[in-house]
C-alpha atoms as a PDB file:
ATOM      1  CA  UNK A   1      99.011  23.780 142.253  1.00  0.00           C
ATOM      2  CA  UNK A   2      97.792  21.979 145.376  1.00  0.00           C
ATOM      3  CA  UNK A   3      94.149  22.434 144.218  1.00  0.00           C
ATOM      4  CA  UNK A   4      95.086  21.008 140.793  1.00  0.00           C
ATOM      5  CA  UNK A   5      96.678  17.894 142.359  1.00  0.00           C
ATOM      6  CA  UNK A   6      93.624  17.403 144.571  1.00  0.00           C
ATOM      7  CA  UNK A   7      91.307  17.595 141.548  1.00  0.00           C
ATOM      8  CA  UNK A   8      93.422  15.003 139.678  1.00  0.00           C
ATOM      9  CA  UNK A   9      93.260  12.654 142.682  1.00  0.00           C
ATOM     10  CA  UNK A  10      89.469  12.972 142.867  1.00  0.00           C
ATOM     11  CA  UNK A  11      89.088  12.229 139.127  1.00  0.00           C
ATOM     12  CA  UNK A  12      91.317   9.156 139.510  1.00  0.00           C
ATOM     13  CA  UNK A  13      89.278   7.833 142.472  1.00  0.00           C
ATOM     14  CA  UNK A  14      85.995   8.353 140.587  1.00  0.00           C
ATOM     15  CA  UNK A  15      87.452   6.451 137.622  1.00  0.00           C
ATOM     16  CA  UNK A  16      88.437   3.518 139.879  1.00  0.00           C
ATOM     17  CA  UNK A  17      84.963   3.442 141.455  1.00  0.00           C
ATOM     18  CA  UNK A  18      83.318   3.340 137.989  1.00  0.00           C
ATOM     19  CA  UNK A  19      85.501   0.378 136.889  1.00  0.00           C
ATOM     20  CA  UNK A  20      84.715  -1.569 140.091  1.00  0.00           C
ATOM     21  CA  UNK A  21      80.971  -0.937 139.652  1.00  0.00           C
ATOM     22  CA  UNK A  22      80.995  -2.129 136.019  1.00  0.00           C
ATOM     23  CA  UNK A  23      82.875  -5.345 136.898  1.00  0.00           C
ATOM     24  CA  UNK A  24      80.515  -6.063 139.807  1.00  0.00           C
ATOM     25  CA  UNK A  25      77.451  -5.649 137.596  1.00  0.00           C
ATOM     26  CA  UNK A  26      78.890  -7.983 134.938  1.00  0.00           C
ATOM     27  CA  UNK A  27      79.730 -10.652 137.502  1.00  0.00           C
ATOM     28  CA  UNK A  28      76.263 -10.415 139.002  1.00  0.00           C
ATOM     29  CA  UNK A  29      74.637 -10.862 135.569  1.00  0.00           C
ATOM     30  CA  UNK A  30      76.873 -13.864 134.833  1.00  0.00           C
ATOM     31  CA  UNK A  31      75.886 -15.487 138.124  1.00  0.00           C
ATOM     32  CA  UNK A  32      72.218 -14.881 137.316  1.00  0.00           C
ATOM     33  CA  UNK A  33      72.619 -16.745 133.988  1.00  0.00           C
ATOM     34  CA  UNK A  34      74.346 -19.664 135.754  1.00  0.00           C
ATOM     35  CA  UNK A  35      71.489 -19.811 138.274  1.00  0.00           C
ATOM     36  CA  UNK A  36      68.974 -19.933 135.416  1.00  0.00           C
ATOM     37  CA  UNK A  37      70.750 -22.904 133.826  1.00  0.00           C
ATOM     38  CA  UNK A  38      70.966 -24.721 137.168  1.00  0.00           C
ATOM     39  CA  UNK A  39      67.266 -24.181 137.834  1.00  0.00           C
ATOM     40  CA  UNK A  40      66.391 -25.378 134.336  1.00  0.00           C
ATOM     41  CA  UNK A  41      68.292 -28.641 134.879  1.00  0.00           C
ATOM     42  CA  UNK A  42      66.725 -29.232 138.274  1.00  0.00           C
ATOM     43  CA  UNK A  43      63.227 -28.977 136.812  1.00  0.00           C
ATOM     44  CA  UNK A  44      63.812 -31.937 134.448  1.00  0.00           C
ATOM     45  CA  UNK A  45      65.292 -34.735 136.608  1.00  0.00           C
ATOM     46  CA  UNK A  46      66.421 -37.988 135.020  1.00  0.00           C
ATOM     47  CA  UNK A  47      63.747 -40.704 135.455  1.00  0.00           C
ATOM     48  CA  UNK A  48      64.565 -43.091 138.281  1.00  0.00           C
ATOM     49  CA  UNK A  49      64.494 -46.860 137.712  1.00  0.00           C
ATOM     50  CA  UNK A  50      61.197 -48.505 138.700  1.00  0.00           C
ATOM     51  CA  UNK A  51      59.629 -45.143 139.585  1.00  0.00           C
ATOM     52  CA  UNK A  52      57.119 -42.950 137.765  1.00  0.00           C
ATOM     53  CA  UNK A  53      56.995 -39.197 138.065  1.00  0.00           C
ATOM     54  CA  UNK A  54      54.457 -37.911 140.615  1.00  0.00           C
ATOM     55  CA  UNK A  55      54.053 -34.651 138.701  1.00  0.00           C
ATOM     56  CA  UNK A  56      52.435 -36.552 135.819  1.00  0.00           C
ATOM     57  CA  UNK A  57      49.621 -37.853 137.988  1.00  0.00           C
ATOM     58  CA  UNK A  58      50.861 -41.445 138.166  1.00  0.00           C
ATOM     59  CA  UNK A  59      51.718 -43.536 141.172  1.00  0.00           C
ATOM     60  CA  UNK A  60      55.063 -44.839 142.373  1.00  0.00           C
ATOM     61  CA  UNK A  61      53.374 -47.862 143.963  1.00  0.00           C
ATOM     62  CA  UNK A  62      52.407 -51.155 142.338  1.00  0.00           C
ATOM     63  CA  UNK A  63      48.914 -50.880 143.812  1.00  0.00           C
ATOM     64  CA  UNK A  64      47.332 -53.320 141.338  1.00  0.00           C
ATOM     65  CA  UNK A  65      50.353 -55.453 140.492  1.00  0.00           C
ATOM     66  CA  UNK A  66      51.421 -58.014 143.029  1.00  0.00           C
ATOM     67  CA  UNK A  67      52.463 -61.661 143.178  1.00  0.00           C
ATOM     68  CA  UNK A  68      54.706 -62.934 140.401  1.00  0.00           C
ATOM     69  CA  UNK A  69      55.059 -66.512 139.220  1.00  0.00           C
ATOM     70  CA  UNK A  70      57.479 -68.070 136.722  1.00  0.00           C
ATOM     71  CA  UNK A  71      56.389 -70.976 134.524  1.00  0.00           C
ATOM     72  CA  UNK A  72      59.023 -73.351 133.213  1.00  0.00           C
ATOM     73  CA  UNK A  73      58.514 -73.912 129.488  1.00  0.00           C
ATOM     74  CA  UNK A  74      61.438 -76.339 129.380  1.00  0.00           C
ATOM     75  CA  UNK A  75      64.880 -76.003 127.913  1.00  0.00           C
ATOM     76  CA  UNK A  76      65.752 -73.240 130.360  1.00  0.00           C
ATOM     77  CA  UNK A  77      63.005 -70.974 128.992  1.00  0.00           C
ATOM     78  CA  UNK A  78      60.779 -69.286 131.589  1.00  0.00           C
ATOM     79  CA  UNK A  79      57.537 -67.306 131.334  1.00  0.00           C
ATOM     80  CA  UNK A  80      57.089 -64.619 134.020  1.00  0.00           C
ATOM     81  CA  UNK A  81      53.543 -63.587 134.983  1.00  0.00           C
ATOM     82  CA  UNK A  82      52.375 -60.738 137.251  1.00  0.00           C
ATOM     83  CA  UNK A  83      49.104 -60.815 139.208  1.00  0.00           C
ATOM     84  CA  UNK A  84      46.789 -57.876 138.493  1.00  0.00           C
ATOM     85  CA  UNK A  85      43.978 -56.970 140.898  1.00  0.00           C
ATOM     86  CA  UNK A  86      41.645 -54.077 141.653  1.00  0.00           C
ATOM     87  CA  UNK A  87      38.491 -52.638 140.055  1.00  0.00           C
ATOM     88  CA  UNK A  88      37.014 -56.130 139.794  1.00  0.00           C
ATOM     89  CA  UNK A  89      40.091 -57.605 138.067  1.00  0.00           C
ATOM     90  CA  UNK A  90      41.912 -60.748 139.157  1.00  0.00           C
ATOM     91  CA  UNK A  91      44.233 -62.203 136.531  1.00  0.00           C
ATOM     92  CA  UNK A  92      47.871 -62.805 135.679  1.00  0.00           C
ATOM     93  CA  UNK A  93      49.488 -61.162 132.647  1.00  0.00           C
ATOM     94  CA  UNK A  94      52.888 -61.616 131.062  1.00  0.00           C
ATOM     95  CA  UNK A  95      55.513 -59.411 132.638  1.00  0.00           C
ATOM     96  CA  UNK A  96      57.032 -59.087 129.165  1.00  0.00           C
ATOM     97  CA  UNK A  97      55.845 -59.553 125.609  1.00  0.00           C
ATOM     98  CA  UNK A  98      56.166 -63.163 124.448  1.00  0.00           C
ATOM     99  CA  UNK A  99      59.743 -63.579 123.234  1.00  0.00           C
ATOM    100  CA  UNK A 100      61.164 -65.420 120.258  1.00  0.00           C
ATOM    101  CA  UNK A 101      62.700 -68.083 122.516  1.00  0.00           C
ATOM    102  CA  UNK A 102      59.316 -68.697 124.173  1.00  0.00           C
ATOM    103  CA  UNK A 103      57.541 -68.943 120.825  1.00  0.00           C
ATOM    104  CA  UNK A 104      60.169 -71.319 119.439  1.00  0.00           C
ATOM    105  CA  UNK A 105      59.962 -73.484 122.542  1.00  0.00           C
ATOM    106  CA  UNK A 106      56.175 -73.887 122.166  1.00  0.00           C
ATOM    107  CA  UNK A 107      55.760 -73.819 118.380  1.00  0.00           C
ATOM    108  CA  UNK A 108      59.095 -75.107 117.093  1.00  0.00           C
ATOM    109  CA  UNK A 109      59.537 -72.392 114.461  1.00  0.00           C
ATOM    110  CA  UNK A 110      61.010 -68.907 114.065  1.00  0.00           C
ATOM    111  CA  UNK A 111      58.586 -66.572 112.278  1.00  0.00           C
ATOM    112  CA  UNK A 112      60.115 -63.236 113.316  1.00  0.00           C
ATOM    113  CA  UNK A 113      61.616 -60.825 110.824  1.00  0.00           C
ATOM    114  CA  UNK A 114      64.099 -59.533 113.409  1.00  0.00           C
ATOM    115  CA  UNK A 115      66.227 -62.076 115.229  1.00  0.00           C
ATOM    116  CA  UNK A 116      66.999 -62.230 118.941  1.00  0.00           C
ATOM    117  CA  UNK A 117      66.049 -64.809 121.569  1.00  0.00           C
ATOM    118  CA  UNK A 118      64.848 -62.109 123.971  1.00  0.00           C
ATOM    119  CA  UNK A 119      63.305 -59.858 121.350  1.00  0.00           C
ATOM    120  CA  UNK A 120      59.516 -60.001 121.151  1.00  0.00           C
ATOM    121  CA  UNK A 121      58.172 -62.529 118.675  1.00  0.00           C
ATOM    122  CA  UNK A 122      56.520 -60.761 115.718  1.00  0.00           C
ATOM    123  CA  UNK A 123      55.171 -61.572 112.297  1.00  0.00           C
ATOM    124  CA  UNK A 124      52.466 -63.669 113.990  1.00  0.00           C
ATOM    125  CA  UNK A 125      48.753 -63.284 113.330  1.00  0.00           C
ATOM    126  CA  UNK A 126      45.792 -63.573 115.676  1.00  0.00           C
ATOM    127  CA  UNK A 127      45.013 -66.882 113.937  1.00  0.00           C
ATOM    128  CA  UNK A 128      48.555 -68.177 114.546  1.00  0.00           C
ATOM    129  CA  UNK A 129      48.038 -67.520 118.245  1.00  0.00           C
ATOM    130  CA  UNK A 130      44.421 -68.504 118.822  1.00  0.00           C
ATOM    131  CA  UNK A 131      43.291 -71.036 116.246  1.00  0.00           C
ATOM    132  CA  UNK A 132      43.559 -74.818 116.475  1.00  0.00           C
ATOM    133  CA  UNK A 133      47.127 -76.011 116.911  1.00  0.00           C
ATOM    134  CA  UNK A 134      48.182 -72.425 117.630  1.00  0.00           C
ATOM    135  CA  UNK A 135      50.328 -71.013 120.422  1.00  0.00           C
ATOM    136  CA  UNK A 136      47.515 -70.795 122.996  1.00  0.00           C
ATOM    137  CA  UNK A 137      46.395 -74.386 122.478  1.00  0.00           C
ATOM    138  CA  UNK A 138      49.940 -75.729 122.752  1.00  0.00           C
ATOM    139  CA  UNK A 139      51.044 -73.694 125.774  1.00  0.00           C
ATOM    140  CA  UNK A 140      47.949 -74.733 127.727  1.00  0.00           C
ATOM    141  CA  UNK A 141      49.497 -78.146 128.231  1.00  0.00           C
ATOM    142  CA  UNK A 142      52.016 -76.352 130.483  1.00  0.00           C
ATOM    143  CA  UNK A 143      49.672 -74.181 132.567  1.00  0.00           C
ATOM    144  CA  UNK A 144      50.019 -74.493 136.367  1.00  0.00           C
ATOM    145  CA  UNK A 145      47.376 -76.445 138.311  1.00  0.00           C
ATOM    146  CA  UNK A 146      44.650 -74.273 139.832  1.00  0.00           C
ATOM    147  CA  UNK A 147      44.682 -71.680 137.051  1.00  0.00           C
ATOM    148  CA  UNK A 148      42.518 -71.109 134.005  1.00  0.00           C
ATOM    149  CA  UNK A 149      43.685 -71.632 130.463  1.00  0.00           C
ATOM    150  CA  UNK A 150      46.154 -69.281 128.841  1.00  0.00           C
ATOM    151  CA  UNK A 151      44.537 -66.814 126.458  1.00  0.00           C
ATOM    152  CA  UNK A 152      44.982 -63.351 125.018  1.00  0.00           C
ATOM    153  CA  UNK A 153      43.919 -60.437 127.252  1.00  0.00           C
ATOM    154  CA  UNK A 154      40.641 -58.697 126.586  1.00  0.00           C
ATOM    155  CA  UNK A 155      40.919 -55.018 125.663  1.00  0.00           C
ATOM    156  CA  UNK A 156      39.600 -54.078 129.103  1.00  0.00           C
ATOM    157  CA  UNK A 157      42.218 -56.219 130.835  1.00  0.00           C
ATOM    158  CA  UNK A 158      44.990 -54.964 128.579  1.00  0.00           C
ATOM    159  CA  UNK A 159      44.200 -51.281 129.145  1.00  0.00           C
ATOM    160  CA  UNK A 160      43.794 -51.701 132.906  1.00  0.00           C
ATOM    161  CA  UNK A 161      47.186 -53.453 133.069  1.00  0.00           C
ATOM    162  CA  UNK A 162      48.768 -50.847 130.781  1.00  0.00           C
ATOM    163  CA  UNK A 163      47.510 -47.783 132.627  1.00  0.00           C
ATOM    164  CA  UNK A 164      48.522 -49.183 136.027  1.00  0.00           C
ATOM    165  CA  UNK A 165      46.413 -46.598 137.841  1.00  0.00           C
ATOM    166  CA  UNK A 166      47.312 -43.679 135.584  1.00  0.00           C
ATOM    167  CA  UNK A 167      44.828 -41.374 133.846  1.00  0.00           C
ATOM    168  CA  UNK A 168      47.333 -39.697 131.511  1.00  0.00           C
ATOM    169  CA  UNK A 169      47.978 -40.114 127.760  1.00  0.00           C
ATOM    170  CA  UNK A 170      50.772 -42.578 128.484  1.00  0.00           C
ATOM    171  CA  UNK A 171      51.266 -44.563 131.689  1.00  0.00           C
ATOM    172  CA  UNK A 172      54.165 -42.269 132.640  1.00  0.00           C
ATOM    173  CA  UNK A 173      52.599 -38.901 131.770  1.00  0.00           C
ATOM    174  CA  UNK A 174      51.217 -36.786 128.920  1.00  0.00           C
ATOM    175  CA  UNK A 175      54.340 -36.525 126.747  1.00  0.00           C
ATOM    176  CA  UNK A 176      56.347 -39.206 124.993  1.00  0.00           C
ATOM    177  CA  UNK A 177      59.387 -40.323 126.978  1.00  0.00           C
ATOM    178  CA  UNK A 178      61.917 -42.631 125.355  1.00  0.00           C
ATOM    179  CA  UNK A 179      62.908 -43.970 128.765  1.00  0.00           C
ATOM    180  CA  UNK A 180      59.665 -45.990 128.769  1.00  0.00           C
ATOM    181  CA  UNK A 181      59.106 -47.220 125.212  1.00  0.00           C
ATOM    182  CA  UNK A 182      60.571 -48.056 121.816  1.00  0.00           C
ATOM    183  CA  UNK A 183      58.896 -46.131 118.973  1.00  0.00           C
ATOM    184  CA  UNK A 184      59.988 -44.749 115.600  1.00  0.00           C
ATOM    185  CA  UNK A 185      61.825 -41.876 117.286  1.00  0.00           C
ATOM    186  CA  UNK A 186      64.338 -44.079 119.117  1.00  0.00           C
ATOM    187  CA  UNK A 187      64.064 -47.691 117.881  1.00  0.00           C
ATOM    188  CA  UNK A 188      66.587 -47.374 115.017  1.00  0.00           C
ATOM    189  CA  UNK A 189      64.129 -49.328 112.845  1.00  0.00           C
ATOM    190  CA  UNK A 190      64.215 -52.580 114.804  1.00  0.00           C
ATOM    191  CA  UNK A 191      62.664 -54.384 117.771  1.00  0.00           C
ATOM    192  CA  UNK A 192      64.659 -54.649 120.995  1.00  0.00           C
ATOM    193  CA  UNK A 193      65.021 -57.233 123.777  1.00  0.00           C
ATOM    194  CA  UNK A 194      62.091 -57.055 126.180  1.00  0.00           C
ATOM    195  CA  UNK A 195      62.459 -55.328 129.536  1.00  0.00           C
ATOM    196  CA  UNK A 196      65.073 -52.727 128.573  1.00  0.00           C
ATOM    197  CA  UNK A 197      62.812 -49.735 129.208  1.00  0.00           C
ATOM    198  CA  UNK A 198      61.244 -48.552 132.470  1.00  0.00           C
ATOM    199  CA  UNK A 199      58.220 -50.601 133.652  1.00  0.00           C
ATOM    200  CA  UNK A 200      54.819 -49.208 134.560  1.00  0.00           C
ATOM    201  CA  UNK A 201      53.588 -49.029 138.156  1.00  0.00           C
ATOM    202  CA  UNK A 202      52.405 -52.672 138.007  1.00  0.00           C
ATOM    203  CA  UNK A 203      55.887 -53.859 137.059  1.00  0.00           C
ATOM    204  CA  UNK A 204      54.996 -54.610 133.415  1.00  0.00           C
ATOM    205  CA  UNK A 205      57.459 -53.845 130.629  1.00  0.00           C
ATOM    206  CA  UNK A 206      56.891 -52.629 127.059  1.00  0.00           C
ATOM    207  CA  UNK A 207      53.149 -52.119 127.437  1.00  0.00           C
ATOM    208  CA  UNK A 208      53.814 -49.180 125.112  1.00  0.00           C
ATOM    209  CA  UNK A 209      56.071 -49.617 122.109  1.00  0.00           C
ATOM    210  CA  UNK A 210      58.405 -52.340 120.828  1.00  0.00           C
ATOM    211  CA  UNK A 211      55.572 -54.344 119.185  1.00  0.00           C
ATOM    212  CA  UNK A 212      51.796 -54.003 119.012  1.00  0.00           C
ATOM    213  CA  UNK A 213      49.976 -56.593 121.130  1.00  0.00           C
ATOM    214  CA  UNK A 214      47.011 -58.658 119.970  1.00  0.00           C
ATOM    215  CA  UNK A 215      43.913 -58.690 122.190  1.00  0.00           C
ATOM    216  CA  UNK A 216      41.174 -61.331 122.200  1.00  0.00           C
ATOM    217  CA  UNK A 217      38.422 -58.870 121.191  1.00  0.00           C
ATOM    218  CA  UNK A 218      37.232 -58.259 117.680  1.00  0.00           C
ATOM    219  CA  UNK A 219      37.007 -54.608 116.666  1.00  0.00           C
ATOM    220  CA  UNK A 220      33.519 -53.210 117.317  1.00  0.00           C
ATOM    221  CA  UNK A 221      31.900 -56.597 116.588  1.00  0.00           C
ATOM    222  CA  UNK A 222      33.337 -56.717 113.074  1.00  0.00           C
ATOM    223  CA  UNK A 223      35.674 -59.205 111.414  1.00  0.00           C
ATOM    224  CA  UNK A 224      38.833 -57.374 112.471  1.00  0.00           C
ATOM    225  CA  UNK A 225      40.677 -57.848 115.758  1.00  0.00           C
ATOM    226  CA  UNK A 226      42.366 -55.308 118.015  1.00  0.00           C
ATOM    227  CA  UNK A 227      46.036 -54.581 118.612  1.00  0.00           C
ATOM    228  CA  UNK A 228      47.174 -52.164 121.308  1.00  0.00           C
ATOM    229  CA  UNK A 229      50.266 -50.338 122.516  1.00  0.00           C
ATOM    230  CA  UNK A 230      52.087 -49.052 119.448  1.00  0.00           C
ATOM    231  CA  UNK A 231      55.392 -50.324 118.164  1.00  0.00           C
ATOM    232  CA  UNK A 232      58.957 -49.700 117.036  1.00  0.00           C
ATOM    233  CA  UNK A 233      57.926 -48.460 113.566  1.00  0.00           C
ATOM    234  CA  UNK A 234      55.069 -46.163 114.632  1.00  0.00           C
ATOM    235  CA  UNK A 235      54.767 -42.553 115.721  1.00  0.00           C
ATOM    236  CA  UNK A 236      54.652 -41.797 119.449  1.00  0.00           C
ATOM    237  CA  UNK A 237      50.913 -41.078 119.431  1.00  0.00           C
ATOM    238  CA  UNK A 238      50.240 -44.766 118.680  1.00  0.00           C
ATOM    239  CA  UNK A 239      51.845 -45.649 122.021  1.00  0.00           C
ATOM    240  CA  UNK A 240      49.050 -43.911 123.982  1.00  0.00           C
ATOM    241  CA  UNK A 241      47.253 -46.080 126.508  1.00  0.00           C
ATOM    242  CA  UNK A 242      43.820 -45.538 124.919  1.00  0.00           C
ATOM    243  CA  UNK A 243      44.627 -45.993 121.234  1.00  0.00           C
ATOM    244  CA  UNK A 244      43.063 -48.937 119.359  1.00  0.00           C
ATOM    245  CA  UNK A 245      44.020 -50.294 115.936  1.00  0.00           C
ATOM    246  CA  UNK A 246      42.119 -52.891 113.896  1.00  0.00           C
ATOM    247  CA  UNK A 247      43.892 -55.666 111.985  1.00  0.00           C
ATOM    248  CA  UNK A 248      42.630 -58.626 109.980  1.00  0.00           C
ATOM    249  CA  UNK A 249      43.066 -61.765 112.141  1.00  0.00           C
ATOM    250  CA  UNK A 250      45.178 -63.370 109.412  1.00  0.00           C
ATOM    251  CA  UNK A 251      47.421 -60.312 109.211  1.00  0.00           C
ATOM    252  CA  UNK A 252      51.098 -60.722 110.005  1.00  0.00           C
ATOM    253  CA  UNK A 253      53.750 -58.053 110.295  1.00  0.00           C
ATOM    254  CA  UNK A 254      57.058 -57.308 112.001  1.00  0.00           C
ATOM    255  CA  UNK A 255      55.234 -54.903 114.315  1.00  0.00           C
ATOM    256  CA  UNK A 256      52.658 -57.376 115.730  1.00  0.00           C
ATOM    257  CA  UNK A 257      53.294 -59.486 118.825  1.00  0.00           C
ATOM    258  CA  UNK A 258      51.415 -60.340 122.021  1.00  0.00           C
ATOM    259  CA  UNK A 259      51.469 -61.302 125.697  1.00  0.00           C
ATOM    260  CA  UNK A 260      49.300 -63.878 127.468  1.00  0.00           C
ATOM    261  CA  UNK A 261      47.049 -63.930 130.520  1.00  0.00           C
ATOM    262  CA  UNK A 262      45.343 -66.471 132.749  1.00  0.00           C
ATOM    263  CA  UNK A 263      43.164 -66.235 135.870  1.00  0.00           C
ATOM    264  CA  UNK A 264      43.369 -68.139 139.173  1.00  0.00           C
ATOM    265  CA  UNK A 265      40.736 -70.731 140.109  1.00  0.00           C
ATOM    266  CA  UNK A 266      38.848 -70.769 136.812  1.00  0.00           C
END
């Protein structure tokens, strides 16, 4: 009888040990899954304001963007310009795309299909901007002393300002990131007020997305002119820093806008 009781006790203890072992293994596996999720989240940090990710090969410093000036267009409307230097460049470019309030102040009309004082002006052609009695001619009466005339950027100037020292597909990296631009994947089929997305390393906003931007160059010496940067109604690939699109200079559309430049001492 005593041997039988001893055997029962041993079986009971073995059973308890098996249960404890199974529970320990399950808890360990659960902790491993939690650790995996935590690690996954840590590898994709939320973009920080005014900073670009180092892992994408871009810089956190505004190495080629420096002094800023604001030009009073009257009526409480200002035009902010950022100085761009390096690699033989020395010019100022609009911190933002030209807005509807700025266009209205200079031209006295409202051509845009979408409405919003701080939304980029659109539905304007290269001719509307550059020909006689156009935006460039009229705004030049307001240019600061000691600076050249306002004009559209050349393609070389535009791309240098857009890339801001980067060598990746976009100025923030090699994959589309809605934190930096408005495109057809996040725009909800409309333009948006300028400056809502993250800037590039030179402190320029919306160099990719929102609206395409006219450049001064014609396309490969033909009759078309160049727009750059992609827009609210286009696929993400059109927002790449190197992509060029040709448009007839008389062409207007709710995806075409611009920003201006001028140079010091010329």
